[in-house]
Amino acid sequence: MKKYIPRLLDDVLKRRLELYGAILIIGPKWCGKSTTAKQYAKSVLELQNPRTRENNLEIAKTRPDFLLEGEKPRLIDEWQDAPMLWDAIRYDVDNTGLKNQYILTGSVYPQEEQSMHTGTGRIIRLLMRPMSLYESGNSTGEVSLGDLFNGIKDIKGISQYELEDIAFFCARGGWPSAIDVDHEGALIIARDYFDSLIMNDIKSVDGIERNPQRMRTILRSLARNICTSANLSTIKEDTSYNDAEISEKTITDYIRTLNKLYVLDDVEAWCPKLRSKTDIRTSPKRCFVDPSIALAALRATDKDLLKDFKTFGFIFESLCLRDLKVYAQSLDGDVFFYRDKNDLECDAIIHLKDGRWGAVEVKIGSEDAINEAARNLLKFSNIVDTDEVNKPSFLMVITAGKYAYRREDSVYVVPITTLKN
């Protein structure tokens, strides 16, 4: 058995199991949901096991409670294959009042979800993303977001990686099976995920046949517009070159399908109280759950990124946003972005549930770019109404550079490969 690589979701999962009767871990295929769940389960029901699948699905239709028998907590892996189990689990948790009873995993929204009880208060959802660089062992973790939120001012760190390595991390992605694999093998795994998504997974959402080539074209357009607030008309304009008959309604359906597969992971806009009357743009920023999906959609490699720094910049931002979301989740927070009508922006706002927040700009490039990002952060922090919102715990520029340090203006400069939660 391959040794388990600890995930930052572990502590979140353990705490939720203490508080609730059932936990549902959702997220894209191959991100490690089942492997993590098995670390805490004492019995397992694998609904996709070909040897028992047909029999278990028949039992689920008539006596779903039979499938819940086993030592607790019991893992129901890929539960959406037998959605009638949801209400059985909800009923059992409600009836017994016990905690730490069930762990469910799911890689796609079930077709019957509309008719199911919500499970509010009984079944809690946790989103699992692919591995961050800290989890995959590609960040030293010398700079802690938690420390910065707690008021620690002094930081230091030295990245162990060059720009070529960062490009490879983007192309490889955070898929656990691609970690500790040779360069070529890791890229093959990332591309295979994309191909499986196109050829197989889009059919599993609702049984409707969708055109793989059309899905590929839409994914390519989303990749071209990654980390922007591109609207449907922009996506339609992109895709119509190869598919003149495509409509915005069709694009919406395909994007909805990708959301149900947890492939897309858009960033919502942050809307603080401002001292000025500046209008805030609220359209979400389009992102994938992992940057490797964008590169696969573009049919690009890590070497291609090194020849196109504009594209590299957007893909690098996607990598950083993925990691920040993983880190924020472990700190009981969320990641947003800010942009107003004057194009003043922050690539990421990390907002904790207790009201603390930090602002982040992502820059892959030069010292001039870092200086500009720092000025934008300072300008932004000055327009936030701190009578209504807490003062920022930190302002940070995330880079692909070598050193982590605190500037004279108190803005932190941090290589992504020195960061952790």
Protein backbone atom coordinates (compact mmCIF):
# COMPACT_ATOMS: atom_id res chain seq x y z
CA MET A 1 0.00 0.00 0.00
CA LYS A 2 1.23 3.47 -0.89
CA LYS A 3 1.93 5.59 2.18
CA TYR A 4 -0.81 8.10 2.95
CA ILE A 5 0.17 11.71 2.37
CA PRO A 6 -1.52 13.86 5.05
CA ARG A 7 -3.98 16.47 3.80
CA LEU A 8 -4.91 19.79 5.36
CA LEU A 9 -8.53 18.65 5.24
CA ASP A 10 -7.68 15.96 7.81
CA ASP A 11 -8.04 18.26 10.81
CA VAL A 12 -11.18 19.83 9.39
CA LEU A 13 -12.70 16.39 8.87
CA LYS A 14 -11.77 15.15 12.34
CA ARG A 15 -13.34 18.21 13.98
CA ARG A 16 -16.55 17.93 11.95
CA LEU A 17 -16.89 14.23 12.83
CA GLU A 18 -16.86 15.27 16.49
CA LEU A 19 -19.75 17.64 15.83
CA TYR A 20 -21.98 15.86 13.31
CA GLY A 21 -23.37 12.44 12.58
CA ALA A 22 -22.40 12.39 8.90
CA ILE A 23 -19.90 14.16 6.66
CA LEU A 24 -20.06 14.32 2.87
CA ILE A 25 -16.69 14.90 1.19
CA ILE A 26 -17.24 16.30 -2.30
CA GLY A 27 -14.72 17.20 -4.97
CA PRO A 28 -13.35 16.21 -8.36
CA LYS A 29 -12.36 12.65 -9.16
CA TRP A 30 -8.76 11.68 -8.41
CA CYS A 31 -8.28 14.36 -5.73
CA GLY A 32 -8.01 11.83 -2.87
CA LYS A 33 -11.44 11.85 -1.22
CA SER A 34 -11.73 8.10 -0.73
CA THR A 35 -8.12 7.72 0.41
CA THR A 36 -8.56 10.40 3.06
CA ALA A 37 -11.94 9.07 4.18
CA LYS A 38 -10.51 5.59 4.65
CA GLN A 39 -8.05 6.94 7.22
CA TYR A 40 -11.00 7.59 9.55
CA ALA A 41 -13.56 4.93 8.56
CA LYS A 42 -13.86 1.63 10.42
CA SER A 43 -15.94 -0.03 7.71
CA VAL A 44 -16.35 0.68 4.00
CA LEU A 45 -19.08 0.28 1.38
CA GLU A 46 -17.65 0.77 -2.12
CA LEU A 47 -20.58 1.30 -4.45
CA GLN A 48 -18.39 1.27 -7.56
CA ASN A 49 -16.80 -2.11 -6.78
CA PRO A 50 -17.74 -4.18 -9.88
CA ARG A 51 -17.98 -7.41 -7.87
CA THR A 52 -20.72 -6.15 -5.55
CA ARG A 53 -22.13 -3.12 -7.35
CA GLU A 54 -25.23 -4.70 -8.91
CA ASN A 55 -26.24 -6.48 -5.72
CA ASN A 56 -25.71 -3.40 -3.54
CA LEU A 57 -27.77 -1.19 -5.86
CA GLU A 58 -30.65 -3.67 -5.71
CA ILE A 59 -30.50 -3.74 -1.91
CA ALA A 60 -30.40 0.06 -1.82
CA LYS A 61 -33.74 0.24 -3.64
CA THR A 62 -35.64 -1.82 -1.06
CA ARG A 63 -33.67 -1.95 2.21
CA PRO A 64 -31.05 0.80 2.20
CA ASP A 65 -30.67 0.39 5.96
CA PHE A 66 -28.99 -2.98 5.35
CA LEU A 67 -26.10 -1.22 3.63
CA LEU A 68 -25.58 1.03 6.63
CA GLU A 69 -24.74 -1.89 8.91
CA GLY A 70 -21.07 -1.98 9.89
CA GLU A 71 -18.64 -0.54 12.38
CA LYS A 72 -18.87 3.24 12.65
CA PRO A 73 -17.83 5.57 11.23
CA ARG A 74 -18.87 3.80 8.03
CA LEU A 75 -17.64 5.07 4.68
CA ILE A 76 -20.12 5.11 1.78
CA ASP A 77 -17.83 5.66 -1.21
CA GLU A 78 -19.34 7.41 -4.27
CA TRP A 79 -22.72 7.45 -2.58
CA GLN A 80 -24.42 9.22 -5.50
CA ASP A 81 -24.64 5.84 -7.29
CA ALA A 82 -27.35 4.93 -4.76
CA PRO A 83 -28.91 8.28 -3.81
CA MET A 84 -31.67 6.59 -1.78
CA LEU A 85 -29.00 6.04 0.89
CA TRP A 86 -29.01 9.77 1.62
CA ASP A 87 -32.39 9.80 3.35
CA ALA A 88 -31.60 6.52 5.12
CA ILE A 89 -28.43 8.04 6.57
CA ARG A 90 -30.18 11.28 7.45
CA TYR A 91 -32.94 9.34 9.23
CA ASP A 92 -30.46 7.18 11.16
CA VAL A 93 -28.42 10.20 12.28
CA ASP A 94 -31.59 12.03 13.29
CA ASN A 95 -32.98 9.01 15.10
CA THR A 96 -29.86 8.06 17.08
CA GLY A 97 -28.46 11.53 17.69
CA LEU A 98 -24.96 10.03 17.58
CA LYS A 99 -21.89 11.77 16.15
CA ASN A 100 -19.15 10.30 13.97
CA GLN A 101 -21.39 7.78 12.23
CA TYR A 102 -20.93 8.14 8.46
CA ILE A 103 -18.49 9.51 5.91
CA LEU A 104 -19.78 9.84 2.36
CA THR A 105 -17.76 10.71 -0.71
CA GLY A 106 -19.05 12.01 -4.03
CA SER A 107 -17.50 13.12 -7.32
CA VAL A 108 -20.72 14.30 -8.97
CA TYR A 109 -24.07 15.73 -7.93
CA PRO A 110 -26.67 12.93 -7.91
CA GLN A 111 -29.48 13.13 -10.45
CA GLU A 112 -32.13 12.77 -7.75
CA GLU A 113 -30.77 15.53 -5.51
CA GLN A 114 -33.76 17.80 -6.18
CA SER A 115 -36.15 15.37 -4.46
CA MET A 116 -33.89 14.53 -1.51
CA HIS A 117 -34.09 16.04 1.93
CA THR A 118 -31.33 18.63 2.37
CA GLY A 119 -29.83 16.92 5.39
CA THR A 120 -29.19 20.29 7.00
CA GLY A 121 -27.74 19.81 10.47
CA ARG A 122 -27.27 16.09 9.90
CA ILE A 123 -24.98 15.76 6.87
CA ILE A 124 -22.28 18.41 6.49
CA ARG A 125 -20.47 18.97 3.18
CA LEU A 126 -16.71 19.42 2.89
CA LEU A 127 -15.12 20.31 -0.44
CA MET A 128 -11.81 18.61 -1.17
CA ARG A 129 -9.53 20.07 -3.81
CA PRO A 130 -6.37 18.62 -5.37
CA MET A 131 -3.21 18.92 -3.30
CA SER A 132 -1.61 22.26 -2.54
CA LEU A 133 2.13 22.66 -3.00
CA TYR A 134 2.61 22.37 0.76
CA GLU A 135 0.72 19.07 0.84
CA SER A 136 2.65 17.67 -2.13
CA GLY A 137 5.97 18.57 -0.49
CA ASN A 138 6.79 21.38 -2.94
CA SER A 139 6.57 24.22 -0.43
CA THR A 140 8.87 24.68 2.54
CA GLY A 141 6.00 26.12 4.59
CA GLU A 142 8.33 28.69 6.14
CA VAL A 143 5.63 31.37 5.86
CA SER A 144 2.33 30.60 7.58
CA LEU A 145 -0.91 32.39 6.77
CA GLY A 146 -2.13 31.45 10.23
CA ASP A 147 0.87 33.21 11.79
CA LEU A 148 0.21 36.34 9.76
CA PHE A 149 -3.43 36.36 10.83
CA ASN A 150 -2.24 35.98 14.42
CA GLY A 151 -0.10 39.09 14.21
CA ILE A 152 3.37 37.69 13.63
CA LYS A 153 5.22 40.33 11.64
CA ASP A 154 8.63 38.89 10.82
CA ILE A 155 8.93 36.31 8.06
CA LYS A 156 11.73 34.66 6.15
CA GLY A 157 11.92 31.89 3.61
CA ILE A 158 13.91 30.70 0.63
CA SER A 159 12.30 28.91 -2.29
CA GLN A 160 14.00 25.71 -3.40
CA TYR A 161 12.61 25.95 -6.93
CA GLU A 162 13.24 27.73 -10.21
CA LEU A 163 10.70 29.08 -12.67
CA GLU A 164 10.91 25.87 -14.69
CA ASP A 165 9.77 23.95 -11.60
CA ILE A 166 6.81 26.28 -11.07
CA ALA A 167 5.72 25.72 -14.66
CA PHE A 168 5.92 21.96 -14.08
CA PHE A 169 3.82 22.22 -10.90
CA CYS A 170 1.14 24.04 -12.90
CA ALA A 171 1.12 21.36 -15.61
CA ARG A 172 1.31 18.41 -13.20
CA GLY A 173 -1.40 19.75 -10.93
CA GLY A 174 -2.20 18.54 -7.45
CA TRP A 175 -3.45 15.06 -8.33
CA PRO A 176 -2.14 12.69 -5.63
CA SER A 177 -1.31 9.97 -8.18
CA ALA A 178 0.96 12.41 -10.03
CA ILE A 179 3.05 13.23 -6.96
CA ASP A 180 6.44 11.49 -6.72
CA VAL A 181 6.17 10.34 -10.34
CA ASP A 182 8.75 11.17 -12.98
CA HIS A 183 8.24 14.34 -15.05
CA GLU A 184 6.76 12.67 -18.12
CA GLY A 185 4.56 10.32 -16.08
CA ALA A 186 3.13 13.17 -14.03
CA LEU A 187 2.12 15.07 -17.16
CA ILE A 188 0.54 11.94 -18.62
CA ILE A 189 -1.59 11.53 -15.49
CA ALA A 190 -2.78 15.14 -15.69
CA ARG A 191 -3.69 14.78 -19.36
CA ASP A 192 -5.43 11.47 -18.69
CA TYR A 193 -7.64 13.17 -16.11
CA PHE A 194 -8.70 15.68 -18.74
CA ASP A 195 -9.38 12.99 -21.35
CA SER A 196 -11.41 10.94 -18.88
CA LEU A 197 -13.42 14.04 -18.05
CA ILE A 198 -14.19 14.68 -21.71
CA MET A 199 -14.92 11.13 -22.80
CA ASN A 200 -16.52 9.58 -19.70
CA ASP A 201 -17.40 11.87 -16.82
CA ILE A 202 -19.64 14.29 -18.69
CA LYS A 203 -22.05 11.38 -19.26
CA SER A 204 -22.19 10.43 -15.57
CA VAL A 205 -23.89 13.63 -14.41
CA ASP A 206 -27.38 12.95 -15.74
CA GLY A 207 -27.04 10.30 -18.42
CA ILE A 208 -27.44 12.87 -21.20
CA GLU A 209 -25.13 12.44 -24.18
CA ARG A 210 -22.99 15.52 -24.65
CA ASN A 211 -20.61 16.20 -27.49
CA PRO A 212 -17.03 15.61 -26.25
CA GLN A 213 -15.59 17.93 -28.89
CA ARG A 214 -18.00 20.69 -27.91
CA MET A 215 -17.06 20.22 -24.26
CA ARG A 216 -13.39 20.36 -25.23
CA THR A 217 -13.98 23.64 -27.08
CA ILE A 218 -15.80 25.18 -24.12
CA LEU A 219 -13.07 24.06 -21.73
CA ARG A 220 -10.48 25.57 -24.03
CA SER A 221 -12.34 28.88 -23.99
CA LEU A 222 -12.61 28.79 -20.19
CA ALA A 223 -8.88 28.09 -20.05
CA ARG A 224 -8.16 31.04 -22.36
CA ASN A 225 -10.18 33.22 -20.00
CA ILE A 226 -8.90 31.75 -16.74
CA CYS A 227 -8.78 34.15 -13.77
CA THR A 228 -10.93 36.70 -15.58
CA SER A 229 -14.61 37.58 -15.25
CA ALA A 230 -15.43 36.50 -18.80
CA ASN A 231 -19.18 36.39 -19.41
CA LEU A 232 -21.20 33.98 -21.53
CA SER A 233 -21.02 36.18 -24.61
CA THR A 234 -17.22 36.08 -24.43
CA ILE A 235 -17.25 32.28 -24.16
CA LYS A 236 -19.72 32.09 -27.04
CA GLU A 237 -17.55 34.33 -29.22
CA ASP A 238 -14.56 32.10 -28.45
CA THR A 239 -16.33 28.85 -29.21
CA SER A 240 -18.31 29.98 -32.26
CA TYR A 241 -15.16 29.97 -34.39
CA ASN A 242 -15.23 26.17 -34.25
CA ASP A 243 -18.93 25.68 -33.48
CA ALA A 244 -21.10 28.26 -35.23
CA GLU A 245 -24.36 26.71 -34.01
CA ILE A 246 -23.55 26.83 -30.29
CA SER A 247 -25.84 28.99 -28.14
CA GLU A 248 -25.44 30.62 -24.75
CA LYS A 249 -28.07 28.20 -23.43
CA THR A 250 -25.93 25.24 -24.53
CA ILE A 251 -22.81 26.80 -23.02
CA THR A 252 -24.69 27.30 -19.75
CA ASP A 253 -25.67 23.61 -19.73
CA TYR A 254 -22.09 22.48 -20.32
CA ILE A 255 -20.75 24.81 -17.63
CA ARG A 256 -23.41 23.54 -15.24
CA THR A 257 -22.21 20.01 -15.98
CA LEU A 258 -18.62 20.98 -15.18
CA ASN A 259 -19.79 22.51 -11.91
CA LYS A 260 -21.59 19.29 -11.01
CA LEU A 261 -18.32 17.43 -11.58
CA TYR A 262 -16.48 19.94 -9.34
CA VAL A 263 -14.16 20.80 -12.23
CA LEU A 264 -14.79 24.54 -12.03
CA ASP A 265 -13.98 26.47 -8.88
CA ASP A 266 -14.85 30.11 -9.53
CA VAL A 267 -13.87 32.87 -7.11
CA GLU A 268 -16.66 35.14 -5.90
CA ALA A 269 -16.29 38.90 -5.56
CA TRP A 270 -15.65 40.45 -2.15
CA CYS A 271 -17.89 43.42 -1.41
CA PRO A 272 -16.59 45.35 1.60
CA LYS A 273 -17.91 48.67 2.83
CA LEU A 274 -15.85 51.39 1.12
CA ARG A 275 -15.14 54.96 2.08
CA SER A 276 -15.77 55.97 -1.52
CA LYS A 277 -18.85 55.36 -3.68
CA THR A 278 -16.89 53.31 -6.20
CA ASP A 279 -18.94 50.60 -7.87
CA ILE A 280 -17.66 47.09 -7.22
CA ARG A 281 -17.69 44.53 -10.02
CA THR A 282 -19.39 41.39 -8.76
CA SER A 283 -19.08 38.88 -11.62
CA PRO A 284 -17.15 35.81 -10.42
CA LYS A 285 -13.61 35.11 -11.56
CA ARG A 286 -13.50 31.97 -13.70
CA CYS A 287 -11.19 29.28 -12.34
CA PHE A 288 -10.61 25.56 -12.52
CA VAL A 289 -10.22 23.42 -9.44
CA ASP A 290 -6.66 22.74 -10.65
CA PRO A 291 -4.43 24.62 -13.12
CA SER A 292 -3.46 21.41 -14.93
CA ILE A 293 -6.99 21.23 -16.37
CA ALA A 294 -6.51 24.59 -18.08
CA LEU A 295 -3.18 23.54 -19.55
CA ALA A 296 -4.63 20.25 -20.80
CA ALA A 297 -7.51 22.16 -22.40
CA LEU A 298 -5.01 24.42 -24.14
CA ARG A 299 -2.94 21.38 -25.18
CA ALA A 300 0.02 23.11 -23.56
CA THR A 301 2.95 21.86 -21.49
CA ASP A 302 5.19 23.39 -18.88
CA LYS A 303 7.70 24.20 -21.62
CA ASP A 304 4.99 26.14 -23.51
CA LEU A 305 4.39 28.30 -20.45
CA LEU A 306 8.03 29.35 -20.37
CA LYS A 307 7.62 30.70 -23.92
CA ASP A 308 4.41 32.64 -23.17
CA PHE A 309 4.71 34.64 -19.97
CA LYS A 310 1.30 36.29 -20.33
CA THR A 311 -0.43 32.91 -20.26
CA PHE A 312 1.99 31.73 -17.58
CA GLY A 313 0.90 34.65 -15.41
CA PHE A 314 -2.77 33.63 -15.52
CA ILE A 315 -2.00 29.94 -14.96
CA PHE A 316 0.30 30.83 -12.07
CA GLU A 317 -2.50 32.88 -10.52
CA SER A 318 -4.77 29.85 -10.82
CA LEU A 319 -2.15 27.71 -9.05
CA CYS A 320 -1.91 30.26 -6.23
CA LEU A 321 -5.69 30.55 -5.89
CA ARG A 322 -5.97 26.77 -5.60
CA ASP A 323 -3.43 26.73 -2.80
CA LEU A 324 -4.94 29.72 -1.02
CA LYS A 325 -8.36 28.04 -1.05
CA VAL A 326 -6.88 24.89 0.51
CA TYR A 327 -5.06 26.93 3.15
CA ALA A 328 -8.05 29.17 3.87
CA GLN A 329 -10.34 26.18 4.35
CA SER A 330 -8.05 24.79 7.05
CA LEU A 331 -8.17 28.19 8.79
CA ASP A 332 -11.98 28.34 8.61
CA GLY A 333 -11.99 30.92 5.85
CA ASP A 334 -12.82 31.55 2.22
CA VAL A 335 -11.11 33.17 -0.75
CA PHE A 336 -12.64 36.05 -2.72
CA PHE A 337 -11.32 38.69 -5.11
CA TYR A 338 -11.88 42.43 -5.48
CA ARG A 339 -12.21 44.58 -8.58
CA ASP A 340 -13.97 47.90 -9.03
CA LYS A 341 -15.01 50.06 -11.97
CA ASN A 342 -11.63 51.80 -11.87
CA ASP A 343 -9.88 48.42 -12.26
CA LEU A 344 -8.35 48.62 -8.82
CA GLU A 345 -8.07 44.99 -7.82
CA CYS A 346 -6.82 42.37 -5.43
CA ASP A 347 -6.34 38.92 -6.88
CA ALA A 348 -7.38 37.27 -3.62
CA ILE A 349 -9.01 38.26 -0.36
CA ILE A 350 -8.64 35.61 2.35
CA HIS A 351 -11.54 36.20 4.73
CA LEU A 352 -11.82 34.19 7.93
CA LYS A 353 -15.15 33.48 9.60
CA ASP A 354 -14.16 35.62 12.60
CA GLY A 355 -13.85 38.71 10.38
CA ARG A 356 -10.08 38.86 9.93
CA TRP A 357 -8.90 39.23 6.35
CA GLY A 358 -5.79 39.64 4.23
CA ALA A 359 -5.32 40.92 0.68
CA VAL A 360 -3.13 39.23 -1.92
CA GLU A 361 -1.78 40.12 -5.33
CA VAL A 362 -0.14 37.45 -7.52
CA LYS A 363 2.85 38.41 -9.67
CA ILE A 364 5.14 35.99 -11.42
CA GLY A 365 7.47 38.60 -12.84
CA SER A 366 9.86 41.44 -12.14
CA GLU A 367 10.64 43.70 -9.22
CA ASP A 368 8.70 46.44 -11.01
CA ALA A 369 5.63 44.21 -11.10
CA ILE A 370 5.99 43.50 -7.37
CA ASN A 371 6.29 47.23 -6.64
CA GLU A 372 3.16 47.96 -8.64
CA ALA A 373 1.27 45.17 -6.87
CA ALA A 374 2.34 46.54 -3.47
CA ARG A 375 1.11 50.02 -4.41
CA ASN A 376 -2.24 48.58 -5.48
CA LEU A 377 -2.58 46.70 -2.20
CA LEU A 378 -1.84 49.81 -0.16
CA LYS A 379 -4.25 51.87 -2.24
CA PHE A 380 -6.95 49.25 -1.83
CA SER A 381 -6.47 48.97 1.92
CA ASN A 382 -6.93 52.73 2.22
CA ILE A 383 -10.36 52.73 0.57
CA VAL A 384 -11.83 49.96 2.75
CA ASP A 385 -13.98 51.44 5.51
CA THR A 386 -12.28 50.04 8.61
CA ASP A 387 -15.10 51.41 10.78
CA GLU A 388 -17.27 48.74 9.16
CA VAL A 389 -14.64 46.09 8.34
CA ASN A 390 -11.56 45.03 10.29
CA LYS A 391 -8.21 46.40 9.20
CA PRO A 392 -6.36 43.88 7.02
CA SER A 393 -4.21 41.43 8.96
CA PHE A 394 -1.68 41.55 6.12
CA LEU A 395 -1.03 42.65 2.56
CA MET A 396 0.90 40.15 0.47
CA VAL A 397 2.38 39.74 -2.99
CA ILE A 398 2.76 36.07 -3.92
CA THR A 399 5.54 35.43 -6.41
CA ALA A 400 7.48 32.70 -8.17
CA GLY A 401 10.68 34.23 -6.82
CA LYS A 402 13.36 33.18 -4.38
CA TYR A 403 12.97 35.03 -1.07
CA ALA A 404 10.17 35.72 1.40
CA TYR A 405 10.49 39.04 3.21
CA ARG A 406 8.65 42.05 4.62
CA ARG A 407 9.05 45.31 2.72
CA GLU A 408 9.54 48.70 4.35
CA ASP A 409 5.91 49.54 3.49
CA SER A 410 4.88 46.40 5.49
CA VAL A 411 3.74 44.50 2.38
CA TYR A 412 4.91 40.88 2.42
CA VAL A 413 6.57 39.29 -0.61
CA VAL A 414 6.19 35.51 -0.48
CA PRO A 415 7.16 32.80 -3.00
CA ILE A 416 4.28 30.37 -3.35
CA THR A 417 6.77 27.55 -2.64
CA THR A 418 7.41 28.90 0.88
CA LEU A 419 3.74 29.27 1.89
CA LYS A 420 1.44 27.11 4.01
CA ASN A 421 -1.78 27.45 5.97
